[in-house]
Amino acid sequence: MNRDDDPAADLLARLFLTRVIEPGDEVGGRWVRAFGVEEVARRLRGGGERLPGVSETRWAGLRARAAVAEPRRDLAVARDAGVRFVAPGDAEWPGQLDDLGDARPLGLWVRGRPSLRIWALRSVAVVGARACTEYGAHMAVTLAAGLAERGWVVVSGGAYGVDGAAHRGALGAGGATVAVLACGVDRPYPRGHTELITRIAEQGLVTGELPPGDHPTPSRFVLRNRVIAALTRGTVVVEAAHRSGSLVTARAAGRLGRFTMGVPGPATSGLSAGVHELLRGDAVLVTDAAEVVELVGDMGELAPDRRGPVLPRDLLEPGARRVLAALPARRAAAAGEIARGAQTTEDDTIARLYELRALGYVERHGDGWKLTRQAMISIRDGSRRC
C-alpha cells in the first residue's frame, strides 16, 4: 500500500501536527491543504525544505515542537482515558466544521459515547460572561433546559458563569450537552469544574483540538470559540461585556452564516453591554428556548404568540365593547349620549346595555346608565397592563 493511502500513517501525522501547529493556524491549514498531512509532518521533522509562509524564526520554533512530539504516546494516553481522535473524513466528523476553511481543526479529541456528528446536527451554542449575574445564570439555565426538553443539544465552553450554567441546565433537564475545551480533554479546566466536566463526559461529550495533557492559554480560549460557532446552528449570548470572548463566538457564527442571538439585560448593566451591541447589529433578540428554536429549527417550529392576560371584557362582542367604552367613568349617562360615543343607534345601544347589565358591567340609574364597581376595576386593571 502507498504510504499516502495508509490510514494509520495519516492518523499519526495528524496527531503529530496537533502537537506542533496551534489551533486555527491558517498557515498550517494551507500547508495541509496544499501538501497533505504526511508531507507537512515529514518536513517539520526535518525531512525537507522549509514550508512557505513563515519566517526562519517561526520555522525553528515549529521544528523545536516537532522534535518532542510523540503521537503514538498521545494516542495511548488518550485511549487509556477513554478519548478518541476524530479526523476530517471520518464517519463521526461534523461536516459543518469544514466551513472554517484553512482554520478547520486538524481533528478533534472526543471524550464520551455519543456521535459528535449526529449531535452537532441539532445543536445550539449558549455562551456568555464568566462573572455573570444571578440573572445571567438563571437565563442560561432556563434557556438550556428548554432547548434540551425540545431535543436540542446545548454546546458551550465548560467555563465558569454562563457556560457552566448552560451545561447544568441541559443536564438537569435530562438532555444532551457538549463542552468544547481549550485544553486536553483528559484534564478538565477550570479545575473547579472537574466534577461538571466529568459528568458531561459521562452523559454527553467533551471535545477539543489539543492533545492529551495540553494546557489552555488566552489565545487558545479565543480560537476555541470558532469551533463552538461552526459546530452549531446558532449562538445565543446571554451576558457579555464589550470585550467578552463570547462576542468572538457570536461574530464567528455570523461570518459562518449561522444565527446569532442575544438575551437582553438591564440597560445599565455593563455585563449586558456587549449583548446590546450585538442586538443593534444583525443579532436577533430572544428571551426563551421557544424563540431560539423558531429561529434555528425546522419550518413550523414556531414560538407561541406573546399576548397579555385575557380580561373578561376581551370576550365581549365588538359592539358591546364600544358601548362599554362610551360610558362615562364617574356618572350616569342617558342612552342617547352613550350611543353618540359608541357611534351607533340608540336602539342598538339600549340592547347592548341590557346585555352588559346581565353580565354585571352596568346598572340602571333612573333614566341613565352607569358603570358598576366590577367594570371600574376591570377598566382600571386593563389600563395598568397597557
Protein backbone atom coordinates (compact mmCIF):
# COMPACT_ATOMS: atom_id res chain seq x y z
CA MET A 1 0.00 0.00 0.00
CA ASN A 2 1.23 3.50 -0.83
CA ARG A 3 2.08 5.44 2.34
CA ASP A 4 -0.13 8.32 1.24
CA ASP A 5 -3.09 5.93 1.29
CA ASP A 6 -2.26 4.42 4.69
CA PRO A 7 -4.97 5.46 7.20
CA ALA A 8 -2.65 4.74 10.14
CA ALA A 9 0.07 6.97 8.69
CA ASP A 10 -2.44 9.78 8.11
CA LEU A 11 -3.74 9.44 11.68
CA LEU A 12 -0.28 9.56 13.23
CA ALA A 13 0.64 12.56 11.09
CA ARG A 14 -2.48 14.42 12.25
CA LEU A 15 -1.80 13.53 15.89
CA PHE A 16 1.74 14.81 15.42
CA LEU A 17 0.53 18.08 13.92
CA THR A 18 -1.88 18.75 16.81
CA ARG A 19 1.25 18.96 18.99
CA VAL A 20 3.11 21.25 16.61
CA ILE A 21 0.58 23.59 14.96
CA GLU A 22 -1.64 25.83 17.10
CA PRO A 23 -5.44 25.61 16.70
CA GLY A 24 -6.78 27.88 14.00
CA ASP A 25 -3.38 28.46 12.35
CA GLU A 26 -4.41 29.23 8.77
CA VAL A 27 -0.84 28.97 7.50
CA GLY A 28 -0.70 25.41 8.80
CA GLY A 29 -4.11 24.79 7.29
CA ARG A 30 -2.88 25.92 3.88
CA TRP A 31 0.11 23.58 4.20
CA VAL A 32 -2.18 20.64 4.92
CA ARG A 33 -4.44 21.54 2.01
CA ALA A 34 -1.54 22.01 -0.42
CA PHE A 35 0.85 19.21 0.62
CA GLY A 36 -1.14 16.76 2.76
CA VAL A 37 -0.66 15.97 6.45
CA GLU A 38 2.09 13.39 5.94
CA GLU A 39 4.28 15.67 3.83
CA VAL A 40 3.83 18.56 6.28
CA ALA A 41 4.75 16.26 9.17
CA ARG A 42 7.79 14.94 7.26
CA ARG A 43 9.16 18.42 6.62
CA LEU A 44 8.59 19.54 10.19
CA ARG A 45 10.58 16.52 11.34
CA GLY A 46 13.48 17.73 9.22
CA GLY A 47 12.85 15.72 6.09
CA GLY A 48 12.75 18.59 3.61
CA GLU A 49 12.92 22.30 2.97
CA ARG A 50 11.07 24.92 4.97
CA LEU A 51 7.39 25.23 4.14
CA PRO A 52 6.26 28.57 2.66
CA GLY A 53 4.70 31.47 4.51
CA VAL A 54 6.76 31.53 7.73
CA SER A 55 10.00 33.15 8.79
CA GLU A 56 13.09 31.18 9.74
CA THR A 57 12.48 32.04 13.39
CA ARG A 58 8.92 30.72 13.27
CA TRP A 59 10.04 27.61 11.40
CA ALA A 60 12.68 26.97 14.05
CA GLY A 61 10.02 27.21 16.75
CA LEU A 62 7.80 24.72 14.96
CA ARG A 63 10.75 22.36 14.44
CA ALA A 64 11.52 22.55 18.18
CA ARG A 65 7.98 21.49 18.95
CA ALA A 66 8.17 18.74 16.36
CA ALA A 67 11.31 17.33 17.97
CA VAL A 68 9.44 16.45 21.18
CA ALA A 69 6.09 15.39 19.70
CA GLU A 70 5.19 11.74 20.35
CA PRO A 71 1.96 10.90 18.52
CA ARG A 72 1.97 7.21 19.47
CA ARG A 73 2.27 8.14 23.13
CA ASP A 74 -0.55 10.69 22.80
CA LEU A 75 -2.74 8.05 21.21
CA ALA A 76 -2.02 5.56 24.01
CA VAL A 77 -2.71 8.15 26.74
CA ALA A 78 -5.94 9.13 25.02
CA ARG A 79 -7.15 5.54 24.74
CA ASP A 80 -6.41 4.93 28.42
CA ALA A 81 -8.53 7.99 29.25
CA GLY A 82 -11.41 6.86 27.01
CA VAL A 83 -10.64 9.56 24.44
CA ARG A 84 -10.80 9.06 20.66
CA PHE A 85 -9.48 11.20 17.81
CA VAL A 86 -11.92 12.21 15.07
CA ALA A 87 -10.38 13.49 11.83
CA PRO A 88 -11.88 15.10 8.70
CA GLY A 89 -13.29 12.37 6.52
CA ASP A 90 -14.16 10.08 9.44
CA ALA A 91 -17.78 8.97 9.80
CA GLU A 92 -18.05 10.96 13.03
CA TRP A 93 -16.56 14.18 11.64
CA PRO A 94 -19.08 17.07 11.71
CA GLY A 95 -19.04 18.35 8.14
CA GLN A 96 -20.02 21.89 9.17
CA LEU A 97 -16.51 22.36 10.59
CA ASP A 98 -15.26 22.39 7.01
CA ASP A 99 -16.83 25.85 6.72
CA LEU A 100 -13.81 27.12 8.66
CA GLY A 101 -11.63 26.62 5.60
CA ASP A 102 -7.92 26.68 6.38
CA ALA A 103 -8.75 27.38 10.03
CA ARG A 104 -10.51 24.00 10.25
CA PRO A 105 -9.26 21.80 13.10
CA LEU A 106 -6.75 19.12 12.18
CA GLY A 107 -9.02 16.85 14.14
CA LEU A 108 -10.92 16.73 17.42
CA TRP A 109 -10.21 14.70 20.53
CA VAL A 110 -13.54 13.41 21.84
CA ARG A 111 -14.49 12.01 25.24
CA GLY A 112 -17.93 10.44 25.61
CA ARG A 113 -20.03 7.79 23.88
CA PRO A 114 -22.43 9.65 21.52
CA SER A 115 -21.58 10.54 17.92
CA LEU A 116 -20.30 14.11 17.66
CA ARG A 117 -21.52 14.37 14.07
CA ILE A 118 -25.09 13.35 14.94
CA TRP A 119 -25.28 15.58 17.99
CA ALA A 120 -23.89 18.60 16.17
CA LEU A 121 -26.64 18.40 13.54
CA ARG A 122 -29.22 19.74 16.02
CA SER A 123 -27.23 21.90 18.38
CA VAL A 124 -27.19 25.46 19.71
CA ALA A 125 -24.36 27.28 21.47
CA VAL A 126 -25.21 29.09 24.72
CA VAL A 127 -22.31 31.28 25.84
CA GLY A 128 -21.70 34.34 27.97
CA ALA A 129 -19.83 36.02 30.79
CA ARG A 130 -17.74 34.06 33.26
CA ALA A 131 -18.52 36.52 36.07
CA CYS A 132 -22.22 36.51 35.25
CA THR A 133 -25.01 37.89 37.41
CA GLU A 134 -27.76 35.81 39.02
CA TYR A 135 -29.98 36.93 36.16
CA GLY A 136 -27.46 35.67 33.59
CA ALA A 137 -27.10 32.31 35.32
CA HIS A 138 -30.88 31.96 35.58
CA MET A 139 -31.41 32.76 31.90
CA ALA A 140 -28.65 30.36 30.83
CA VAL A 141 -30.09 27.50 32.90
CA THR A 142 -33.64 28.20 31.71
CA LEU A 143 -32.67 28.50 28.04
CA ALA A 144 -30.54 25.36 28.11
CA ALA A 145 -33.19 23.33 29.91
CA GLY A 146 -35.85 24.48 27.43
CA LEU A 147 -33.64 23.60 24.47
CA ALA A 148 -32.83 20.18 25.94
CA GLU A 149 -36.52 19.47 26.52
CA ARG A 150 -37.13 20.21 22.84
CA GLY A 151 -34.46 17.74 21.76
CA TRP A 152 -31.64 20.21 21.07
CA VAL A 153 -28.01 19.72 22.09
CA VAL A 154 -26.56 22.58 24.14
CA VAL A 155 -22.93 23.41 23.28
CA SER A 156 -20.73 25.63 25.43
CA GLY A 157 -17.16 26.04 26.64
CA GLY A 158 -17.22 24.49 30.11
CA ALA A 159 -16.12 27.76 31.76
CA TYR A 160 -17.43 29.39 34.91
CA GLY A 161 -20.53 31.56 34.72
CA VAL A 162 -22.91 31.28 31.79
CA ASP A 163 -21.12 28.27 30.23
CA GLY A 164 -21.40 26.18 33.38
CA ALA A 165 -25.00 27.26 33.94
CA ALA A 166 -25.91 26.24 30.37
CA HIS A 167 -24.34 22.79 30.79
CA ARG A 168 -26.11 22.30 34.14
CA GLY A 169 -29.44 23.39 32.70
CA ALA A 170 -29.23 20.83 29.91
CA LEU A 171 -28.08 18.04 32.23
CA GLY A 172 -30.75 18.91 34.79
CA ALA A 173 -33.43 18.54 32.12
CA GLY A 174 -32.06 15.12 31.18
CA GLY A 175 -30.80 16.50 27.88
CA ALA A 176 -27.64 16.47 25.82
CA THR A 177 -24.70 18.86 26.14
CA VAL A 178 -21.23 19.23 24.64
CA ALA A 179 -18.28 21.04 26.24
CA VAL A 180 -15.63 22.34 23.82
CA LEU A 181 -12.40 22.84 25.79
CA ALA A 182 -9.30 24.94 25.12
CA CYS A 183 -7.04 22.24 26.59
CA GLY A 184 -6.59 18.48 26.51
CA VAL A 185 -9.94 16.79 27.13
CA ASP A 186 -8.37 14.40 29.65
CA ARG A 187 -7.63 17.32 32.01
CA PRO A 188 -10.78 19.26 32.89
CA TYR A 189 -10.34 23.02 33.02
CA PRO A 190 -11.17 25.05 35.02
CA ARG A 191 -10.29 22.80 37.94
CA GLY A 192 -13.37 23.94 39.81
CA HIS A 193 -15.48 22.35 37.06
CA THR A 194 -13.80 18.95 37.23
CA GLU A 195 -16.97 17.31 38.56
CA LEU A 196 -19.17 19.07 35.98
CA ILE A 197 -16.93 18.21 33.01
CA THR A 198 -16.64 14.61 34.22
CA ARG A 199 -20.43 14.43 34.34
CA ILE A 200 -20.67 15.92 30.84
CA ALA A 201 -18.24 13.24 29.59
CA GLU A 202 -20.42 10.54 31.17
CA GLN A 203 -23.76 11.86 29.90
CA GLY A 204 -22.68 13.85 26.84
CA LEU A 205 -19.48 14.82 25.05
CA VAL A 206 -16.28 16.71 25.85
CA THR A 207 -14.19 17.71 22.85
CA GLY A 208 -11.28 19.91 21.85
CA GLU A 209 -8.41 20.32 19.38
CA LEU A 210 -5.50 19.96 21.78
CA PRO A 211 -3.82 16.63 22.57
CA PRO A 212 -3.91 14.93 25.99
CA GLY A 213 -2.42 16.93 28.83
CA ASP A 214 -2.06 20.17 26.88
CA HIS A 215 -2.82 23.35 28.81
CA PRO A 216 -5.03 26.33 27.96
CA THR A 217 -3.74 29.79 27.03
CA PRO A 218 -5.63 33.05 26.40
CA SER A 219 -5.24 32.67 22.62
CA ARG A 220 -6.48 29.08 22.75
CA PHE A 221 -9.67 30.16 24.51
CA VAL A 222 -10.34 32.70 21.76
CA LEU A 223 -9.60 30.23 18.96
CA ARG A 224 -11.71 27.53 20.63
CA ASN A 225 -14.73 29.78 20.13
CA ARG A 226 -14.65 29.38 16.34
CA VAL A 227 -15.23 25.62 16.83
CA ILE A 228 -18.26 26.28 19.04
CA ALA A 229 -19.64 28.66 16.40
CA ALA A 230 -19.03 26.27 13.49
CA LEU A 231 -20.40 23.16 15.22
CA THR A 232 -23.81 24.68 15.96
CA ARG A 233 -26.76 26.09 14.05
CA GLY A 234 -26.67 29.28 16.06
CA THR A 235 -25.09 31.02 19.04
CA VAL A 236 -27.00 32.63 21.91
CA VAL A 237 -25.12 35.17 24.05
CA VAL A 238 -26.68 35.58 27.48
CA GLU A 239 -24.44 38.16 29.15
CA ALA A 240 -21.30 39.73 27.72
CA ALA A 241 -19.30 42.88 28.36
CA HIS A 242 -17.86 44.84 25.44
CA ARG A 243 -14.66 42.75 25.32
CA SER A 244 -16.13 39.37 26.22
CA GLY A 245 -14.83 36.26 24.47
CA SER A 246 -18.42 35.16 23.91
CA LEU A 247 -18.78 38.02 21.42
CA VAL A 248 -15.97 36.36 19.44
CA THR A 249 -18.14 33.24 19.24
CA ALA A 250 -21.17 35.22 18.09
CA ARG A 251 -19.22 37.13 15.45
CA ALA A 252 -17.63 33.93 14.19
CA ALA A 253 -21.12 32.43 13.93
CA GLY A 254 -22.23 35.43 11.87
CA ARG A 255 -19.28 35.12 9.49
CA LEU A 256 -20.06 31.43 9.03
CA GLY A 257 -23.69 32.13 8.17
CA ARG A 258 -25.02 30.79 11.47
CA PHE A 259 -27.70 32.52 13.51
CA THR A 260 -26.59 34.96 16.19
CA MET A 261 -28.91 35.68 19.10
CA GLY A 262 -28.76 37.74 22.27
CA VAL A 263 -30.67 37.79 25.55
CA PRO A 264 -31.21 41.41 26.60
CA GLY A 265 -30.36 42.62 30.08
CA PRO A 266 -30.69 45.89 32.03
CA ALA A 267 -29.58 48.91 30.01
CA THR A 268 -27.42 49.93 32.98
CA SER A 269 -25.55 46.60 33.22
CA GLY A 270 -22.00 46.54 31.85
CA LEU A 271 -22.32 42.76 31.58
CA SER A 272 -25.11 43.18 29.03
CA ALA A 273 -23.44 45.98 27.05
CA GLY A 274 -21.81 43.57 24.60
CA VAL A 275 -25.09 41.73 24.02
CA HIS A 276 -26.89 45.00 23.35
CA GLU A 277 -24.19 45.93 20.85
CA LEU A 278 -24.85 42.66 19.02
CA LEU A 279 -28.59 43.35 19.08
CA ARG A 280 -28.01 46.74 17.48
CA GLY A 281 -26.43 44.83 14.59
CA ASP A 282 -27.57 41.60 12.98
CA ALA A 283 -28.25 39.53 16.11
CA VAL A 284 -31.83 38.53 16.96
CA LEU A 285 -33.31 39.23 20.39
CA VAL A 286 -34.51 36.06 22.16
CA THR A 287 -35.97 35.55 25.61
CA ASP A 288 -36.63 31.82 25.82
CA ALA A 289 -35.97 28.46 24.19
CA ALA A 290 -39.08 28.63 22.01
CA GLU A 291 -37.81 31.80 20.33
CA VAL A 292 -34.39 30.24 19.78
CA VAL A 293 -35.91 27.13 18.19
CA GLU A 294 -38.18 29.24 15.99
CA LEU A 295 -35.03 30.77 14.51
CA VAL A 296 -32.71 27.74 14.22
CA GLY A 297 -35.26 24.93 13.91
CA ASP A 298 -37.22 23.46 11.05
CA MET A 299 -40.14 25.09 9.31
CA GLY A 300 -43.18 25.16 11.56
CA GLU A 301 -41.30 25.18 14.88
CA LEU A 302 -42.85 28.49 15.88
CA ALA A 303 -42.77 30.22 19.23
CA PRO A 304 -46.23 30.85 20.75
CA ASP A 305 -47.86 34.24 20.21
CA ARG A 306 -46.94 36.62 23.02
CA ARG A 307 -50.14 38.10 24.50
CA GLY A 308 -51.09 39.71 27.76
CA PRO A 309 -53.66 38.13 30.09
CA VAL A 310 -57.21 37.78 28.74
CA LEU A 311 -59.58 40.15 30.57
CA PRO A 312 -63.32 39.43 30.90
CA ARG A 313 -64.18 42.41 28.69
CA ASP A 314 -61.93 40.97 25.93
CA LEU A 315 -64.59 38.29 25.48
CA LEU A 316 -67.36 40.80 24.70
CA GLU A 317 -68.62 41.31 21.17
CA PRO A 318 -67.06 44.37 19.47
CA GLY A 319 -70.36 46.28 19.59
CA ALA A 320 -70.76 45.66 23.32
CA ARG A 321 -67.14 46.73 23.93
CA ARG A 322 -67.74 50.01 22.10
CA VAL A 323 -70.84 50.76 24.20
CA LEU A 324 -68.99 49.87 27.41
CA ALA A 325 -66.11 52.16 26.43
CA ALA A 326 -68.55 55.03 25.75
CA LEU A 327 -69.92 55.10 29.33
CA PRO A 328 -68.53 57.94 31.47
CA ALA A 329 -66.25 56.80 34.28
CA ARG A 330 -67.85 58.62 37.24
CA ARG A 331 -71.51 59.38 36.40
CA ALA A 332 -74.63 58.03 34.82
CA ALA A 333 -75.44 58.86 31.19
CA ALA A 334 -78.53 58.63 29.02
CA ALA A 335 -78.74 56.05 26.25
CA GLY A 336 -78.60 58.77 23.57
CA GLU A 337 -75.32 60.20 24.91
CA ILE A 338 -73.82 56.71 25.10
CA ALA A 339 -74.99 55.94 21.54
CA ARG A 340 -73.19 59.01 20.22
CA GLY A 341 -69.99 57.96 21.97
CA ALA A 342 -70.27 54.42 20.61
CA GLN A 343 -71.17 55.66 17.11
CA THR A 344 -74.30 53.53 16.88
CA THR A 345 -78.08 53.91 17.16
CA GLU A 346 -79.91 54.43 20.43
CA ASP A 347 -81.90 51.21 19.97
CA ASP A 348 -78.70 49.22 19.43
CA THR A 349 -77.13 50.92 22.46
CA ILE A 350 -80.08 50.05 24.72
CA ALA A 351 -79.91 46.40 23.60
CA ARG A 352 -76.17 46.32 24.36
CA LEU A 353 -76.69 48.00 27.74
CA TYR A 354 -79.17 45.32 28.83
CA GLU A 355 -76.66 42.69 27.70
CA LEU A 356 -73.91 44.41 29.71
CA ARG A 357 -76.21 44.66 32.75
CA ALA A 358 -76.79 40.91 32.64
CA LEU A 359 -73.01 40.42 32.67
CA GLY A 360 -72.56 42.77 35.63
CA TYR A 361 -70.86 45.67 33.82
CA VAL A 362 -73.58 48.38 34.03
CA GLU A 363 -76.61 49.27 36.14
CA ARG A 364 -79.70 51.47 35.68
CA HIS A 365 -79.83 54.81 37.49
CA GLY A 366 -83.27 56.29 36.75
CA ASP A 367 -83.26 57.11 33.05
CA GLY A 368 -79.49 56.72 32.82
CA TRP A 369 -76.83 54.01 32.89
CA LYS A 370 -73.66 53.79 34.98
CA LEU A 371 -70.63 51.51 35.23
CA THR A 372 -70.67 49.04 38.11
CA ARG A 373 -67.77 48.75 40.58
CA GLN A 374 -66.77 45.48 38.84
CA ALA A 375 -66.49 47.27 35.49
CA MET A 376 -64.47 50.11 37.04
CA ILE A 377 -61.95 47.63 38.48
CA SER A 378 -61.72 45.78 35.14
CA ILE A 379 -61.07 49.01 33.22
CA ARG A 380 -58.51 50.21 35.79
CA ASP A 381 -56.60 46.88 35.75
CA GLY A 382 -56.63 46.83 31.97
CA SER A 383 -55.16 50.32 31.84
CA ARG A 384 -52.34 49.28 34.16
CA ARG A 385 -51.40 46.43 31.83
CA CYS A 386 -51.14 48.73 28.83
